[in-house]
Structures are given as C-alpha cells and as structure tokens.
Amino acid sequence: MTIIGVIGGVGPQAGLDFVQKIFSNTIAHRDQDHLNCLLISCSSIIPDRTGFLLEGTETSENPALGMFESARRLYLAGAHIAAVACNTAHADRIFAPFCSIVKESLPEMKIINMLETCAIHVKESLHAKRLGLLATKGTHESGVYHEYFKKEDGFLLIEPGATGQEKIHEAVYNKDFGIKAHSQKISPQAIELVNHEILALTDHGAETIILGCTELPLAAKDLISPVPLIDPGLITARRLIELVAPEKLLSEKCFT
C-alpha cells in the first residue's frame, strides 16, 4: 500500500495534528484498515519560515533546504507522496525552490500543494467570495494566498490590519502563551486573540475564514464562529486519502 509522507516540525504539534486528520478522516474498523503514514519532524534543520520571509537575506538559510532533507528521508523510508504541514512554507520564496530540488533529486516523489488544494476545494465546494484570512505575518507579507484567490476571479481576501496581524503573531509565537509554546493545552490568551480576529474579520464582511497557519486550528477547535472556518490542513489531509485510497475517504458530512 502507498505510504503517505508528512513533512512536519513546522511546527511539531501542527504536524501531529495533520496526521491525526488523516486518521480521523479514514474509514477504518481496525488498526489494519488505516493508511500507512510517516511523519518526519526535524524542526532543528528547518529555520522559521516567517523569520526568513520577513528578515531573511540572500545569505540566509532557506527553510526549503531542511524541508527537502525531510522529504528525502521520507522518500528513503518509502513515502512517494507527501505534503508540508505549514502554510507559510508555501510562500514562493520557500516552496518554489523546495519543489524544484524535489523534482530534480526525487522525481518519483509527488508533493501536494496545501494552498492550491485548499483553493480548489473552496472554488468547487463553497459559494463564498469574501474570504477572511488569518495567517502568520510571513504569509500575509508574501501574498501567497492572493495567487490562488484573485480579484479578477471575483474573490476578495479580507485580512487583518497591522494590529490584527500582530495579535495573531503573538497568539502563535509568544513564548509565554503562544500556541507553539503551549500546543498540548492551548492557553486562554491565545484562544482569545484568535477569536477576536475571527470576529473582526466577520465584522468586515468575511463570509468564511481561512485558518492560514497550521497552528490556528489548534486554537479554534472549541470556538463557535459566526462563519465557517476553513482548515487547509484538513482539506489537504482528505486530499491525500482521496489520492491514495479514495474508497477509504470518510464522507464530507463527517468532517472532523
């Protein structure tokens, strides 16, 4: 059976959450019914993506190199299809060289683009055109989501202002209460910051909101949002199942 690879460590708990979404969306009645899945979490070899996008120079180490090394190890372990469990890593300055190296060195390995997969799902399954976007400052700065939801196609991406982006940054990165520091039990401060920005985007007309950072769904699990929340990680996990074993994909009505 095909082995699914997950490039995690970006961050570690988000990678675990991504794998959990694969298991939770697989039809299985016993252990042996589940899909074969490998998670690699080598955080030490992948620099922070937002830091690279905001502060990196031509001499800075591109996270793409560590991501490729993770992909190479997955490939050697038998995984020939994989996804990167990080939205910010899909910014062109990182994802383009990563895919180029994979194509050249591991031509048999298929990398699933999380943002592209999310965009296809939204366009095929949802009717919303006014999309809120919560993400890291690196993702906002790169404008990568604008490449998939273009104005000429009728989409309007509603993003927080500088203050709102800073609040989400704190919710994710703060060393005292941020999601990366407290992933096992998300702090009330982080949840409140995320909830505040969800409500703010809704007030600005967002019909649905993309949780464009893989840490954000960890904080939004118990929130009651006034609009639907889109989790690109969940959509991509389901896409991997569909590609590997479509008969095992749980009904969309049972999204977890």
Protein backbone atom coordinates (compact mmCIF):
# COMPACT_ATOMS: atom_id res chain seq x y z
CA MET A 1 0.00 0.00 0.00
CA THR A 2 1.20 3.54 -0.76
CA ILE A 3 2.80 5.36 2.17
CA ILE A 4 1.74 8.96 2.85
CA GLY A 5 4.50 11.27 4.00
CA VAL A 6 4.03 14.35 6.16
CA ILE A 7 6.78 16.93 6.46
CA GLY A 8 6.22 18.22 9.97
CA GLY A 9 8.24 20.03 12.55
CA VAL A 10 6.89 23.31 11.17
CA GLY A 11 5.68 23.32 13.92
CA PRO A 12 5.79 19.93 15.62
CA GLN A 13 2.28 19.90 17.10
CA ALA A 14 0.81 21.09 13.81
CA GLY A 15 2.43 18.10 12.13
CA LEU A 16 0.88 15.75 14.67
CA ASP A 17 -2.48 17.43 14.15
CA PHE A 18 -2.15 16.94 10.39
CA VAL A 19 -1.53 13.20 10.79
CA GLN A 20 -4.46 12.98 13.21
CA LYS A 21 -6.66 14.47 10.49
CA ILE A 22 -5.58 11.71 8.11
CA PHE A 23 -6.54 9.05 10.65
CA SER A 24 -9.79 10.81 11.63
CA ASN A 25 -10.95 11.05 8.02
CA THR A 26 -10.15 7.45 7.08
CA ILE A 27 -12.82 4.75 7.09
CA ALA A 28 -11.32 2.05 9.30
CA HIS A 29 -12.80 -0.65 11.51
CA ARG A 30 -9.50 -1.98 12.83
CA ASP A 31 -5.85 -0.96 13.02
CA GLN A 32 -5.03 -2.67 9.74
CA ASP A 33 -7.62 -0.65 7.82
CA HIS A 34 -5.74 2.61 8.32
CA LEU A 35 -3.42 4.03 5.70
CA ASN A 36 0.34 3.79 6.04
CA CYS A 37 1.63 7.17 7.11
CA LEU A 38 5.05 8.55 8.02
CA LEU A 39 5.57 11.82 9.87
CA ILE A 40 9.01 13.37 9.96
CA SER A 41 9.53 16.17 12.47
CA CYS A 42 13.04 17.58 12.21
CA SER A 43 12.50 21.12 13.44
CA SER A 44 16.19 21.69 14.09
CA ILE A 45 17.04 21.64 10.37
CA ILE A 46 14.20 23.92 9.18
CA PRO A 47 14.57 27.62 10.09
CA ASP A 48 11.47 29.61 11.00
CA ARG A 49 9.54 30.38 7.82
CA THR A 50 8.11 33.72 8.90
CA GLY A 51 11.50 34.88 10.14
CA PHE A 52 13.05 34.00 6.78
CA LEU A 53 10.35 35.79 4.79
CA LEU A 54 10.44 38.95 6.90
CA GLU A 55 14.12 39.18 7.77
CA GLY A 56 16.00 36.75 5.56
CA THR A 57 18.65 37.88 3.12
CA GLU A 58 20.29 36.21 0.14
CA THR A 59 22.78 34.60 2.52
CA SER A 60 20.13 33.35 4.98
CA GLU A 61 19.45 29.64 5.07
CA ASN A 62 16.27 28.94 3.14
CA PRO A 63 13.85 26.62 5.01
CA ALA A 64 13.46 24.85 1.65
CA LEU A 65 16.74 23.03 2.27
CA GLY A 66 15.61 21.46 5.53
CA MET A 67 12.23 20.69 4.03
CA PHE A 68 13.96 18.86 1.18
CA GLU A 69 16.11 16.87 3.59
CA SER A 70 12.91 15.86 5.40
CA ALA A 71 11.33 14.87 2.07
CA ARG A 72 14.44 12.87 1.16
CA ARG A 73 14.29 10.91 4.41
CA LEU A 74 10.58 10.22 3.85
CA TYR A 75 11.33 9.03 0.32
CA LEU A 76 14.05 6.68 1.53
CA ALA A 77 11.58 5.30 4.06
CA GLY A 78 9.10 4.52 1.26
CA ALA A 79 6.81 7.58 1.08
CA HIS A 80 6.42 8.79 -2.52
CA ILE A 81 3.60 11.26 -1.89
CA ALA A 82 3.80 13.96 0.76
CA ALA A 83 2.58 17.33 1.99
CA VAL A 84 4.21 20.05 4.06
CA ALA A 85 2.18 20.77 7.21
CA CYS A 86 2.83 24.52 7.14
CA ASN A 87 1.03 27.30 5.27
CA THR A 88 3.89 29.80 5.42
CA ALA A 89 6.26 27.26 3.87
CA HIS A 90 4.17 27.55 0.68
CA ALA A 91 5.29 31.13 0.08
CA ASP A 92 7.04 31.24 -3.29
CA ARG A 93 10.48 32.12 -1.87
CA ILE A 94 10.41 28.82 0.03
CA PHE A 95 8.08 26.45 -1.78
CA ALA A 96 9.33 27.07 -5.33
CA PRO A 97 12.97 26.12 -4.61
CA PHE A 98 11.80 23.23 -2.43
CA CYS A 99 9.69 21.77 -5.25
CA SER A 100 12.50 22.38 -7.74
CA ILE A 101 15.00 20.42 -5.66
CA VAL A 102 12.50 17.61 -5.08
CA LYS A 103 11.73 17.39 -8.80
CA GLU A 104 15.41 17.22 -9.67
CA SER A 105 16.56 14.84 -6.94
CA LEU A 106 13.42 12.81 -6.18
CA PRO A 107 11.50 12.77 -9.49
CA GLU A 108 9.18 9.97 -8.32
CA MET A 109 8.01 11.93 -5.28
CA LYS A 110 4.74 13.87 -5.53
CA ILE A 111 4.35 16.95 -3.34
CA ILE A 112 0.79 18.10 -2.69
CA ASN A 113 0.44 21.88 -2.51
CA MET A 114 -1.70 22.69 0.52
CA LEU A 115 -2.76 26.14 -0.64
CA GLU A 116 -3.63 25.00 -4.15
CA THR A 117 -5.63 22.10 -2.70
CA CYS A 118 -7.48 24.48 -0.38
CA ALA A 119 -8.27 26.87 -3.25
CA ILE A 120 -9.65 24.08 -5.43
CA HIS A 121 -11.89 22.92 -2.59
CA VAL A 122 -13.20 26.42 -1.92
CA LYS A 123 -13.92 27.07 -5.59
CA GLU A 124 -15.62 23.72 -6.16
CA SER A 125 -17.49 23.27 -2.88
CA LEU A 126 -18.20 26.71 -1.43
CA HIS A 127 -20.03 29.73 -2.79
CA ALA A 128 -18.22 32.31 -0.66
CA LYS A 129 -16.32 35.07 -2.43
CA ARG A 130 -15.47 37.28 0.55
CA LEU A 131 -12.81 35.27 2.32
CA GLY A 132 -11.22 36.22 5.61
CA LEU A 133 -7.59 35.17 6.06
CA LEU A 134 -5.80 34.63 9.36
CA ALA A 135 -2.14 33.72 8.96
CA THR A 136 1.39 34.44 10.06
CA LYS A 137 2.93 37.78 9.18
CA GLY A 138 5.15 35.91 6.74
CA THR A 139 2.18 34.51 4.87
CA HIS A 140 0.46 37.90 4.74
CA GLU A 141 3.68 39.59 3.62
CA SER A 142 4.28 37.04 0.84
CA GLY A 143 0.76 37.49 -0.54
CA VAL A 144 0.76 33.81 -1.46
CA TYR A 145 -2.98 33.32 -0.85
CA HIS A 146 -3.71 36.14 -3.30
CA GLU A 147 -2.18 33.97 -6.02
CA TYR A 148 -4.97 31.43 -5.53
CA PHE A 149 -7.90 33.77 -4.80
CA LYS A 150 -7.59 36.53 -7.38
CA LYS A 151 -9.72 39.66 -7.63
CA GLU A 152 -10.26 39.02 -11.33
CA ASP A 153 -11.92 35.72 -10.39
CA GLY A 154 -14.32 37.56 -8.12
CA PHE A 155 -12.61 36.88 -4.79
CA LEU A 156 -11.95 39.39 -2.04
CA LEU A 157 -9.41 38.41 0.59
CA ILE A 158 -10.09 40.27 3.82
CA GLU A 159 -7.00 40.39 6.02
CA PRO A 160 -6.39 41.90 9.46
CA GLY A 161 -4.62 45.23 9.64
CA ALA A 162 -1.17 45.57 11.18
CA THR A 163 -2.53 45.40 14.73
CA GLY A 164 -4.61 42.30 13.99
CA GLN A 165 -1.70 40.57 12.29
CA GLU A 166 0.46 41.32 15.32
CA LYS A 167 -2.16 39.78 17.61
CA ILE A 168 -2.21 36.57 15.55
CA HIS A 169 1.59 36.58 15.57
CA GLU A 170 1.51 36.76 19.36
CA ALA A 171 -1.12 34.01 19.53
CA VAL A 172 1.23 31.73 17.58
CA TYR A 173 4.73 32.83 18.64
CA ASN A 174 4.56 34.38 22.10
CA LYS A 175 6.98 32.43 24.31
CA ASP A 176 4.78 32.74 27.38
CA PHE A 177 1.33 31.90 26.00
CA GLY A 178 1.65 31.27 22.24
CA ILE A 179 0.42 28.12 20.52
CA LYS A 180 3.92 27.00 19.62
CA ALA A 181 4.92 27.19 23.30
CA HIS A 182 1.73 25.60 24.66
CA SER A 183 0.41 23.23 22.00
CA GLN A 184 -0.66 20.46 24.36
CA LYS A 185 -3.10 22.78 26.10
CA ILE A 186 -3.73 25.99 24.22
CA SER A 187 -3.64 28.99 26.53
CA PRO A 188 -6.78 31.11 27.07
CA GLN A 189 -4.82 34.17 25.88
CA ALA A 190 -4.04 32.59 22.51
CA ILE A 191 -7.63 31.40 22.06
CA GLU A 192 -8.97 34.87 22.90
CA LEU A 193 -6.65 36.57 20.40
CA VAL A 194 -7.66 34.17 17.63
CA ASN A 195 -11.35 34.51 18.48
CA HIS A 196 -11.10 38.30 18.50
CA GLU A 197 -9.63 38.37 14.98
CA ILE A 198 -12.22 35.89 13.69
CA LEU A 199 -14.97 38.20 14.92
CA ALA A 200 -13.17 41.24 13.49
CA LEU A 201 -12.94 39.68 10.02
CA THR A 202 -16.61 38.72 10.23
CA ASP A 203 -17.48 42.31 11.10
CA HIS A 204 -15.59 43.37 7.97
CA GLY A 205 -17.78 41.14 5.80
CA ALA A 206 -15.95 37.82 5.64
CA GLU A 207 -18.35 35.04 4.64
CA THR A 208 -15.90 32.35 5.67
CA ILE A 209 -12.40 32.44 7.17
CA ILE A 210 -9.29 30.57 6.12
CA LEU A 211 -7.14 29.49 9.05
CA GLY A 212 -3.97 30.05 7.05
CA CYS A 213 -1.50 28.81 9.66
CA THR A 214 -1.43 25.17 10.75
CA GLU A 215 -1.28 26.22 14.42
CA LEU A 216 -4.52 28.20 14.28
CA PRO A 217 -6.90 25.19 14.06
CA LEU A 218 -5.41 24.03 17.38
CA ALA A 219 -6.74 27.21 18.99
CA ALA A 220 -10.04 27.23 17.09
CA LYS A 221 -11.20 23.70 17.94
CA ASP A 222 -13.64 24.80 20.64
CA LEU A 223 -14.61 28.18 19.20
CA ILE A 224 -18.12 28.88 17.98
CA SER A 225 -17.52 31.00 14.90
CA PRO A 226 -20.29 33.07 13.29
CA VAL A 227 -18.99 31.96 9.86
CA PRO A 228 -17.49 28.67 8.60
CA LEU A 229 -13.77 28.17 9.25
CA ILE A 230 -11.64 26.66 6.50
CA ASP A 231 -8.74 24.46 7.60
CA PRO A 232 -6.30 23.95 4.69
CA GLY A 233 -4.62 21.14 6.65
CA LEU A 234 -7.87 19.20 6.94
CA ILE A 235 -8.63 19.69 3.26
CA THR A 236 -5.14 18.52 2.30
CA ALA A 237 -5.28 15.52 4.61
CA ARG A 238 -8.51 14.46 2.94
CA ARG A 239 -6.97 15.02 -0.49
CA LEU A 240 -4.09 12.70 0.38
CA ILE A 241 -6.56 9.99 1.38
CA GLU A 242 -8.50 10.55 -1.84
CA LEU A 243 -5.35 10.17 -3.94
CA VAL A 244 -4.05 7.10 -2.13
CA ALA A 245 -7.24 5.17 -1.30
CA PRO A 246 -10.43 7.02 -2.34
CA GLU A 247 -12.63 4.22 -1.06
CA LYS A 248 -11.37 4.94 2.47
CA LEU A 249 -12.25 8.64 2.49
CA LEU A 250 -14.83 9.45 5.16
CA SER A 251 -17.92 11.28 3.91
CA GLU A 252 -17.58 15.05 3.81
CA LYS A 253 -20.59 15.24 6.12
CA CYS A 254 -18.41 13.64 8.79
CA PHE A 255 -15.59 16.23 8.68
CA THR A 256 -13.66 16.11 11.97
